[in-house]
């Protein structure tokens, strides 16, 4: 990246997006590597806890209600976003990327690939 560039790594909680990523905090949020400014705060929404909680609940509640009303299997069969969100079911890994990351067997039960 060009000197003076900025990286905002919102996936630092999951391991980060770039080689130079390392988690920071709200009290010490930035650092520079190779003249590139990095902002890699873990749990960015923590700065606005109440607001982010309302936002998360508003987005996830309809999906939780679908699962509660249909059951997990029927919800996964009818709703592709639910199927793609299931990583493990009955002790088996049903998300290909998770299985590959850990070198474990993959069960395509809910796979749409």
C-alpha atoms as a PDB file:
ATOM      1  CA  UNK A   1       0.000   0.000   0.000  1.00  0.00           C
ATOM      2  CA  UNK A   2       1.096   3.554  -0.583  1.00  0.00           C
ATOM      3  CA  UNK A   3       2.573   5.493   2.339  1.00  0.00           C
ATOM      4  CA  UNK A   4      -0.189   7.462   4.027  1.00  0.00           C
ATOM      5  CA  UNK A   5      -2.838   4.826   3.291  1.00  0.00           C
ATOM      6  CA  UNK A   6      -5.242   3.753   6.025  1.00  0.00           C
ATOM      7  CA  UNK A   7      -6.430   0.240   6.868  1.00  0.00           C
ATOM      8  CA  UNK A   8      -9.596  -0.145   8.914  1.00  0.00           C
ATOM      9  CA  UNK A   9      -9.750  -3.828   9.775  1.00  0.00           C
ATOM     10  CA  UNK A  10     -13.250  -4.605  11.015  1.00  0.00           C
ATOM     11  CA  UNK A  11     -12.496  -8.353  11.038  1.00  0.00           C
ATOM     12  CA  UNK A  12      -9.644  -8.223  13.529  1.00  0.00           C
ATOM     13  CA  UNK A  13     -11.793 -10.245  15.956  1.00  0.00           C
ATOM     14  CA  UNK A  14     -11.731 -13.123  13.444  1.00  0.00           C
ATOM     15  CA  UNK A  15      -8.015 -12.977  12.746  1.00  0.00           C
ATOM     16  CA  UNK A  16      -7.788  -9.867  10.635  1.00  0.00           C
ATOM     17  CA  UNK A  17      -7.731  -9.015   6.948  1.00  0.00           C
ATOM     18  CA  UNK A  18      -4.073  -8.145   6.340  1.00  0.00           C
ATOM     19  CA  UNK A  19      -0.687  -9.458   7.378  1.00  0.00           C
ATOM     20  CA  UNK A  20       0.088  -6.405   9.505  1.00  0.00           C
ATOM     21  CA  UNK A  21      -3.165  -6.566  11.495  1.00  0.00           C
ATOM     22  CA  UNK A  22      -3.039  -6.795  15.263  1.00  0.00           C
ATOM     23  CA  UNK A  23      -5.891  -6.031  17.652  1.00  0.00           C
ATOM     24  CA  UNK A  24      -6.052  -2.593  19.244  1.00  0.00           C
ATOM     25  CA  UNK A  25      -8.404  -1.000  21.761  1.00  0.00           C
ATOM     26  CA  UNK A  26     -10.670   2.035  21.894  1.00  0.00           C
ATOM     27  CA  UNK A  27      -8.170   3.734  24.221  1.00  0.00           C
ATOM     28  CA  UNK A  28      -5.189   3.037  21.908  1.00  0.00           C
ATOM     29  CA  UNK A  29      -6.807   2.426  18.491  1.00  0.00           C
ATOM     30  CA  UNK A  30      -4.098   3.067  15.891  1.00  0.00           C
ATOM     31  CA  UNK A  31      -0.561   2.118  14.909  1.00  0.00           C
ATOM     32  CA  UNK A  32       1.638   2.553  11.855  1.00  0.00           C
ATOM     33  CA  UNK A  33       3.455  -0.150   9.862  1.00  0.00           C
ATOM     34  CA  UNK A  34       5.422   0.745   6.704  1.00  0.00           C
ATOM     35  CA  UNK A  35       3.911   4.255   6.734  1.00  0.00           C
ATOM     36  CA  UNK A  36       0.377   2.775   6.636  1.00  0.00           C
ATOM     37  CA  UNK A  37      -2.002   3.775   9.432  1.00  0.00           C
ATOM     38  CA  UNK A  38      -3.919   0.842  10.947  1.00  0.00           C
ATOM     39  CA  UNK A  39      -7.184   1.014  12.903  1.00  0.00           C
ATOM     40  CA  UNK A  40      -7.897  -2.491  14.184  1.00  0.00           C
ATOM     41  CA  UNK A  41     -10.133  -2.140  17.224  1.00  0.00           C
ATOM     42  CA  UNK A  42     -11.575  -5.429  18.407  1.00  0.00           C
ATOM     43  CA  UNK A  43     -15.298  -5.072  19.131  1.00  0.00           C
ATOM     44  CA  UNK A  44     -15.746  -1.709  17.413  1.00  0.00           C
ATOM     45  CA  UNK A  45     -19.451  -1.590  18.405  1.00  0.00           C
ATOM     46  CA  UNK A  46     -18.373  -1.611  22.064  1.00  0.00           C
ATOM     47  CA  UNK A  47     -17.904   2.153  21.811  1.00  0.00           C
ATOM     48  CA  UNK A  48     -21.673   2.516  21.430  1.00  0.00           C
ATOM     49  CA  UNK A  49     -22.904  -0.491  23.362  1.00  0.00           C
ATOM     50  CA  UNK A  50     -26.556   0.474  23.768  1.00  0.00           C
ATOM     51  CA  UNK A  51     -27.020   1.556  20.160  1.00  0.00           C
ATOM     52  CA  UNK A  52     -25.167  -1.433  18.740  1.00  0.00           C
ATOM     53  CA  UNK A  53     -27.215  -3.810  20.892  1.00  0.00           C
ATOM     54  CA  UNK A  54     -30.465  -2.385  19.505  1.00  0.00           C
ATOM     55  CA  UNK A  55     -29.088  -2.612  15.964  1.00  0.00           C
ATOM     56  CA  UNK A  56     -27.958  -6.222  16.412  1.00  0.00           C
ATOM     57  CA  UNK A  57     -31.276  -7.258  17.970  1.00  0.00           C
ATOM     58  CA  UNK A  58     -33.290  -5.582  15.214  1.00  0.00           C
ATOM     59  CA  UNK A  59     -31.335  -7.441  12.538  1.00  0.00           C
ATOM     60  CA  UNK A  60     -31.137 -10.864  14.195  1.00  0.00           C
ATOM     61  CA  UNK A  61     -34.559 -11.206  15.852  1.00  0.00           C
ATOM     62  CA  UNK A  62     -36.470 -11.959  12.611  1.00  0.00           C
ATOM     63  CA  UNK A  63     -34.029 -14.801  11.854  1.00  0.00           C
ATOM     64  CA  UNK A  64     -34.285 -16.154  15.395  1.00  0.00           C
ATOM     65  CA  UNK A  65     -38.073 -16.113  15.093  1.00  0.00           C
ATOM     66  CA  UNK A  66     -37.897 -18.063  11.815  1.00  0.00           C
ATOM     67  CA  UNK A  67     -35.718 -20.699  13.488  1.00  0.00           C
ATOM     68  CA  UNK A  68     -37.973 -20.803  16.572  1.00  0.00           C
ATOM     69  CA  UNK A  69     -41.141 -21.161  14.493  1.00  0.00           C
ATOM     70  CA  UNK A  70     -39.856 -23.631  11.886  1.00  0.00           C
ATOM     71  CA  UNK A  71     -37.106 -25.511  13.712  1.00  0.00           C
ATOM     72  CA  UNK A  72     -33.486 -25.325  12.603  1.00  0.00           C
ATOM     73  CA  UNK A  73     -33.688 -27.920   9.806  1.00  0.00           C
ATOM     74  CA  UNK A  74     -36.835 -26.519   8.162  1.00  0.00           C
ATOM     75  CA  UNK A  75     -35.521 -22.966   8.506  1.00  0.00           C
ATOM     76  CA  UNK A  76     -32.231 -23.983   6.870  1.00  0.00           C
ATOM     77  CA  UNK A  77     -34.037 -25.769   4.037  1.00  0.00           C
ATOM     78  CA  UNK A  78     -36.330 -22.787   3.345  1.00  0.00           C
ATOM     79  CA  UNK A  79     -33.956 -19.899   4.018  1.00  0.00           C
ATOM     80  CA  UNK A  80     -30.477 -19.918   2.422  1.00  0.00           C
ATOM     81  CA  UNK A  81     -29.090 -17.321   4.876  1.00  0.00           C
ATOM     82  CA  UNK A  82     -29.948 -19.611   7.786  1.00  0.00           C
ATOM     83  CA  UNK A  83     -28.342 -22.597   6.070  1.00  0.00           C
ATOM     84  CA  UNK A  84     -25.166 -20.640   5.373  1.00  0.00           C
ATOM     85  CA  UNK A  85     -24.962 -19.534   9.005  1.00  0.00           C
ATOM     86  CA  UNK A  86     -24.857 -23.067  10.425  1.00  0.00           C
ATOM     87  CA  UNK A  87     -21.267 -24.083  11.110  1.00  0.00           C
ATOM     88  CA  UNK A  88     -21.849 -27.230  13.175  1.00  0.00           C
ATOM     89  CA  UNK A  89     -24.900 -29.484  13.375  1.00  0.00           C
ATOM     90  CA  UNK A  90     -25.176 -32.643  15.484  1.00  0.00           C
ATOM     91  CA  UNK A  91     -21.410 -32.671  16.022  1.00  0.00           C
ATOM     92  CA  UNK A  92     -20.481 -32.380  12.350  1.00  0.00           C
ATOM     93  CA  UNK A  93     -19.020 -29.363  10.570  1.00  0.00           C
ATOM     94  CA  UNK A  94     -21.491 -28.119   7.965  1.00  0.00           C
ATOM     95  CA  UNK A  95     -19.542 -25.082   6.813  1.00  0.00           C
ATOM     96  CA  UNK A  96     -16.911 -25.931   4.181  1.00  0.00           C
ATOM     97  CA  UNK A  97     -14.601 -23.013   5.074  1.00  0.00           C
ATOM     98  CA  UNK A  98     -14.600 -23.953   8.758  1.00  0.00           C
ATOM     99  CA  UNK A  99     -13.833 -27.600   7.950  1.00  0.00           C
ATOM    100  CA  UNK A 100     -11.012 -26.632   5.590  1.00  0.00           C
ATOM    101  CA  UNK A 101      -9.547 -24.139   8.064  1.00  0.00           C
ATOM    102  CA  UNK A 102      -9.249 -26.805  10.743  1.00  0.00           C
ATOM    103  CA  UNK A 103      -8.544 -29.751   8.446  1.00  0.00           C
ATOM    104  CA  UNK A 104     -11.655 -31.598   9.598  1.00  0.00           C
ATOM    105  CA  UNK A 105     -14.339 -33.533   7.698  1.00  0.00           C
ATOM    106  CA  UNK A 106     -17.080 -31.508   6.019  1.00  0.00           C
ATOM    107  CA  UNK A 107     -20.745 -32.577   6.033  1.00  0.00           C
ATOM    108  CA  UNK A 108     -22.614 -30.798   3.199  1.00  0.00           C
ATOM    109  CA  UNK A 109     -26.007 -31.147   4.940  1.00  0.00           C
ATOM    110  CA  UNK A 110     -26.877 -27.450   4.632  1.00  0.00           C
ATOM    111  CA  UNK A 111     -24.489 -26.586   1.807  1.00  0.00           C
ATOM    112  CA  UNK A 112     -25.798 -24.663  -1.173  1.00  0.00           C
ATOM    113  CA  UNK A 113     -22.456 -24.862  -2.994  1.00  0.00           C
END
